[in-house]
N, C-alpha and C. Protein backbone atom coordinates (compact mmCIF):
# COMPACT_ATOMS: atom_id res chain seq x y z
N GLY A 1 38.27 183.73 138.70
CA GLY A 1 38.29 183.60 140.11
C GLY A 1 39.14 184.69 140.77
N PRO A 2 39.12 184.77 142.11
CA PRO A 2 39.89 185.81 142.81
C PRO A 2 41.38 185.65 142.74
N HIS A 3 41.87 184.49 142.34
CA HIS A 3 43.28 184.26 142.34
C HIS A 3 43.97 184.53 140.99
N VAL A 4 43.18 185.09 140.08
CA VAL A 4 43.69 185.46 138.78
C VAL A 4 43.42 186.93 138.48
N GLY A 5 43.99 187.37 137.44
CA GLY A 5 43.74 188.79 137.06
C GLY A 5 45.00 189.64 137.14
N PHE A 6 44.89 190.82 136.65
CA PHE A 6 46.06 191.69 136.63
C PHE A 6 46.54 191.92 138.04
N GLY A 7 47.84 191.79 138.23
CA GLY A 7 48.45 191.99 139.54
C GLY A 7 48.46 190.81 140.46
N ALA A 8 47.80 189.70 140.03
CA ALA A 8 47.80 188.50 140.95
C ALA A 8 48.98 187.61 140.54
N ILE A 9 49.86 187.30 141.48
CA ILE A 9 51.03 186.43 141.20
C ILE A 9 50.84 185.12 141.92
N TRP A 10 51.11 184.08 141.27
CA TRP A 10 51.04 182.74 141.88
C TRP A 10 52.39 182.38 142.49
N PRO A 11 52.53 182.17 143.76
CA PRO A 11 53.80 181.73 144.35
C PRO A 11 54.32 180.45 143.65
N MET A 12 53.37 179.60 143.18
CA MET A 12 53.81 178.39 142.53
C MET A 12 54.66 178.71 141.30
N SER A 13 54.38 179.82 140.59
CA SER A 13 55.22 180.20 139.40
C SER A 13 56.57 180.67 139.85
N VAL A 14 56.63 181.32 140.94
CA VAL A 14 57.93 181.80 141.50
C VAL A 14 58.76 180.60 141.88
N ILE A 15 58.18 179.60 142.51
CA ILE A 15 58.84 178.37 142.90
C ILE A 15 59.39 177.66 141.68
N MET A 16 58.59 177.51 140.63
CA MET A 16 59.01 176.90 139.40
C MET A 16 60.15 177.64 138.74
N ARG A 17 60.17 178.93 138.84
CA ARG A 17 61.28 179.70 138.31
C ARG A 17 62.54 179.43 139.04
N ALA A 18 62.46 179.36 140.40
CA ALA A 18 63.61 179.00 141.21
C ALA A 18 64.09 177.59 140.98
N LEU A 19 63.17 176.68 140.82
CA LEU A 19 63.52 175.29 140.61
C LEU A 19 64.26 175.04 139.31
N THR A 20 63.95 175.87 138.31
CA THR A 20 64.55 175.68 136.94
C THR A 20 65.70 176.61 136.69
N SER A 21 66.02 177.44 137.65
CA SER A 21 67.11 178.42 137.41
C SER A 21 68.46 177.85 137.77
N THR A 22 69.50 178.33 137.09
CA THR A 22 70.86 178.01 137.45
C THR A 22 71.63 179.22 137.94
N ASP A 23 70.90 180.33 138.01
CA ASP A 23 71.49 181.64 138.41
C ASP A 23 71.23 181.89 139.89
N ASP A 24 72.29 181.95 140.67
CA ASP A 24 72.14 182.14 142.15
C ASP A 24 71.36 183.44 142.48
N ARG A 25 71.63 184.50 141.72
CA ARG A 25 70.94 185.76 142.01
C ARG A 25 69.43 185.66 141.75
N GLU A 26 69.09 184.96 140.69
CA GLU A 26 67.65 184.75 140.35
C GLU A 26 66.97 183.89 141.44
N ILE A 27 67.70 182.85 141.87
CA ILE A 27 67.11 181.98 142.95
C ILE A 27 66.93 182.75 144.23
N LEU A 28 67.90 183.60 144.59
CA LEU A 28 67.78 184.40 145.79
C LEU A 28 66.64 185.38 145.64
N ALA A 29 66.45 185.97 144.50
CA ALA A 29 65.33 186.93 144.28
C ALA A 29 64.00 186.21 144.42
N CYS A 30 63.91 184.99 143.93
CA CYS A 30 62.66 184.18 144.04
C CYS A 30 62.45 183.87 145.51
N MET A 31 63.43 183.48 146.20
CA MET A 31 63.26 183.18 147.67
C MET A 31 62.84 184.45 148.41
N ASP A 32 63.42 185.55 148.12
CA ASP A 32 63.04 186.85 148.74
C ASP A 32 61.56 187.10 148.50
N THR A 33 61.13 186.93 147.22
CA THR A 33 59.73 187.14 146.89
C THR A 33 58.82 186.16 147.65
N LEU A 34 59.19 184.94 147.75
CA LEU A 34 58.39 183.94 148.40
C LEU A 34 58.25 184.21 149.89
N ILE A 35 59.40 184.60 150.51
CA ILE A 35 59.36 184.93 151.91
C ILE A 35 58.46 186.10 152.20
N LYS A 36 58.59 187.18 151.38
CA LYS A 36 57.75 188.39 151.57
C LYS A 36 56.28 188.07 151.27
N SER A 37 56.01 187.21 150.32
CA SER A 37 54.62 186.94 149.89
C SER A 37 53.90 186.15 151.00
N SER A 38 54.64 185.55 151.93
CA SER A 38 53.94 184.87 153.01
C SER A 38 53.29 185.80 153.97
N ALA A 39 53.63 187.08 153.85
CA ALA A 39 52.97 188.15 154.63
C ALA A 39 53.11 187.86 156.14
N GLY A 40 54.17 187.24 156.55
CA GLY A 40 54.37 186.95 157.96
C GLY A 40 53.56 185.82 158.51
N THR A 41 52.81 185.10 157.66
CA THR A 41 52.02 184.00 158.15
C THR A 41 52.77 182.69 158.32
N GLY A 42 53.93 182.59 157.64
CA GLY A 42 54.71 181.36 157.71
C GLY A 42 54.26 180.36 156.66
N PHE A 43 53.25 180.74 155.81
CA PHE A 43 52.72 179.90 154.80
C PHE A 43 52.68 180.65 153.47
N LEU A 44 52.75 179.91 152.36
CA LEU A 44 52.56 180.46 151.05
C LEU A 44 51.05 180.36 150.71
N HIS A 45 50.63 181.20 149.81
CA HIS A 45 49.24 181.37 149.45
C HIS A 45 48.98 181.01 148.01
N GLU A 46 47.77 180.91 147.61
CA GLU A 46 47.41 180.60 146.26
C GLU A 46 47.90 181.72 145.30
N SER A 47 47.73 182.93 145.65
CA SER A 47 48.16 184.08 144.94
C SER A 47 48.35 185.28 145.82
N PHE A 48 49.10 186.27 145.39
CA PHE A 48 49.23 187.48 146.16
C PHE A 48 49.30 188.66 145.19
N ASN A 49 48.92 189.81 145.72
CA ASN A 49 48.89 191.02 144.91
C ASN A 49 50.32 191.56 144.78
N MET A 50 50.72 191.90 143.55
CA MET A 50 52.08 192.28 143.25
C MET A 50 52.45 193.58 143.98
N ASN A 51 51.50 194.38 144.39
CA ASN A 51 51.76 195.63 145.05
C ASN A 51 51.51 195.59 146.56
N ASP A 52 50.94 194.48 147.05
CA ASP A 52 50.58 194.40 148.49
C ASP A 52 50.59 192.93 148.89
N PHE A 53 51.73 192.49 149.52
CA PHE A 53 51.85 191.11 149.93
C PHE A 53 50.82 190.65 150.89
N SER A 54 50.23 191.58 151.62
CA SER A 54 49.14 191.25 152.60
C SER A 54 47.85 190.95 151.97
N ASP A 55 47.70 191.24 150.68
CA ASP A 55 46.51 190.98 149.90
C ASP A 55 46.71 189.65 149.15
N TYR A 56 46.23 188.54 149.75
CA TYR A 56 46.44 187.21 149.13
C TYR A 56 45.19 186.40 149.21
N THR A 57 45.19 185.31 148.38
CA THR A 57 44.06 184.35 148.39
C THR A 57 44.50 183.12 149.11
N ARG A 58 43.57 182.42 149.77
CA ARG A 58 43.80 181.25 150.58
C ARG A 58 44.90 181.35 151.58
N PRO A 59 44.59 181.47 152.84
CA PRO A 59 45.64 181.59 153.86
C PRO A 59 46.48 180.38 153.97
N TRP A 60 45.97 179.22 153.50
CA TRP A 60 46.74 177.99 153.48
C TRP A 60 46.43 177.29 152.16
N PHE A 61 47.48 177.00 151.41
CA PHE A 61 47.34 176.32 150.12
C PHE A 61 48.38 175.18 150.07
N ALA A 62 47.97 174.00 150.40
CA ALA A 62 48.86 172.84 150.59
C ALA A 62 49.75 172.60 149.38
N TRP A 63 49.17 172.72 148.22
CA TRP A 63 49.94 172.39 147.01
C TRP A 63 51.19 173.27 146.89
N VAL A 64 51.04 174.56 147.09
CA VAL A 64 52.22 175.46 146.95
C VAL A 64 53.16 175.25 148.08
N ASN A 65 52.66 174.98 149.26
CA ASN A 65 53.56 174.76 150.39
C ASN A 65 54.34 173.49 150.26
N GLY A 66 53.72 172.46 149.70
CA GLY A 66 54.46 171.21 149.39
C GLY A 66 55.53 171.43 148.32
N LEU A 67 55.17 172.17 147.32
CA LEU A 67 56.16 172.50 146.25
C LEU A 67 57.31 173.27 146.79
N PHE A 68 57.04 174.18 147.74
CA PHE A 68 58.10 174.96 148.39
C PHE A 68 59.06 174.01 149.13
N GLY A 69 58.54 172.95 149.76
CA GLY A 69 59.31 171.95 150.42
C GLY A 69 60.26 171.27 149.44
N GLU A 70 59.77 171.02 148.25
CA GLU A 70 60.61 170.44 147.20
C GLU A 70 61.71 171.36 146.83
N LEU A 71 61.41 172.65 146.67
CA LEU A 71 62.43 173.64 146.39
C LEU A 71 63.47 173.70 147.50
N ALA A 72 63.06 173.67 148.74
CA ALA A 72 63.97 173.74 149.86
C ALA A 72 64.95 172.53 149.79
N MET A 73 64.42 171.34 149.52
CA MET A 73 65.27 170.15 149.48
C MET A 73 66.23 170.26 148.25
N GLN A 74 65.78 170.78 147.18
CA GLN A 74 66.68 170.93 146.01
C GLN A 74 67.79 171.90 146.31
N LEU A 75 67.47 173.00 147.01
CA LEU A 75 68.48 174.00 147.32
C LEU A 75 69.55 173.44 148.30
N VAL A 76 69.11 172.66 149.25
CA VAL A 76 70.03 172.07 150.16
C VAL A 76 71.01 171.14 149.46
N GLU A 77 70.50 170.43 148.49
CA GLU A 77 71.33 169.52 147.69
C GLU A 77 72.19 170.18 146.66
N ALA A 78 71.58 171.08 145.87
CA ALA A 78 72.26 171.62 144.72
C ALA A 78 72.94 172.98 145.01
N HIS A 79 72.47 173.71 146.00
CA HIS A 79 72.96 175.07 146.26
C HIS A 79 73.11 175.33 147.75
N PRO A 80 73.92 174.48 148.45
CA PRO A 80 73.95 174.64 149.94
C PRO A 80 74.45 176.02 150.37
N GLY A 81 75.33 176.64 149.57
CA GLY A 81 75.78 177.99 149.92
C GLY A 81 74.67 178.97 149.93
N LEU A 82 73.71 178.83 149.07
CA LEU A 82 72.54 179.76 149.04
C LEU A 82 71.70 179.60 150.30
N VAL A 83 71.55 178.36 150.71
CA VAL A 83 70.77 178.12 151.92
C VAL A 83 71.39 178.86 153.13
N LEU A 84 72.73 178.71 153.22
CA LEU A 84 73.45 179.40 154.32
C LEU A 84 73.33 180.90 154.18
N GLN A 85 73.37 181.39 152.99
CA GLN A 85 73.22 182.84 152.73
C GLN A 85 71.79 183.28 153.12
N LEU A 86 70.78 182.51 152.82
CA LEU A 86 69.45 182.85 153.15
C LEU A 86 69.30 182.87 154.71
N LYS A 87 69.91 181.93 155.36
CA LYS A 87 69.89 181.84 156.85
C LYS A 87 70.51 183.07 157.46
N GLU A 88 71.61 183.51 156.90
CA GLU A 88 72.29 184.71 157.42
C GLU A 88 71.47 185.97 157.24
N GLU A 89 70.81 186.04 156.11
CA GLU A 89 69.99 187.19 155.77
C GLU A 89 68.63 187.23 156.54
N GLY A 90 68.18 186.02 156.86
CA GLY A 90 66.83 185.93 157.51
C GLY A 90 66.89 186.26 158.91
């Protein structure tokens, strides 16, 4: 399908990496990637091109956006300092 293949990254995989990481730098890098991959739409997509964040599949993908909500809740609980850092950078 169009959401797989060389260069197609699944935001869901980036979220899972952040959810399972204990390294603040890795979590921040994941969040940066997720924010950029939204391509200014405010939503996460099914997949995005690793070289062009504006090249994505599904403008709205509920599953990944729901999983992102879970990540946000975990960060607030387990890494509140990172949330504040993200707010300052954003």
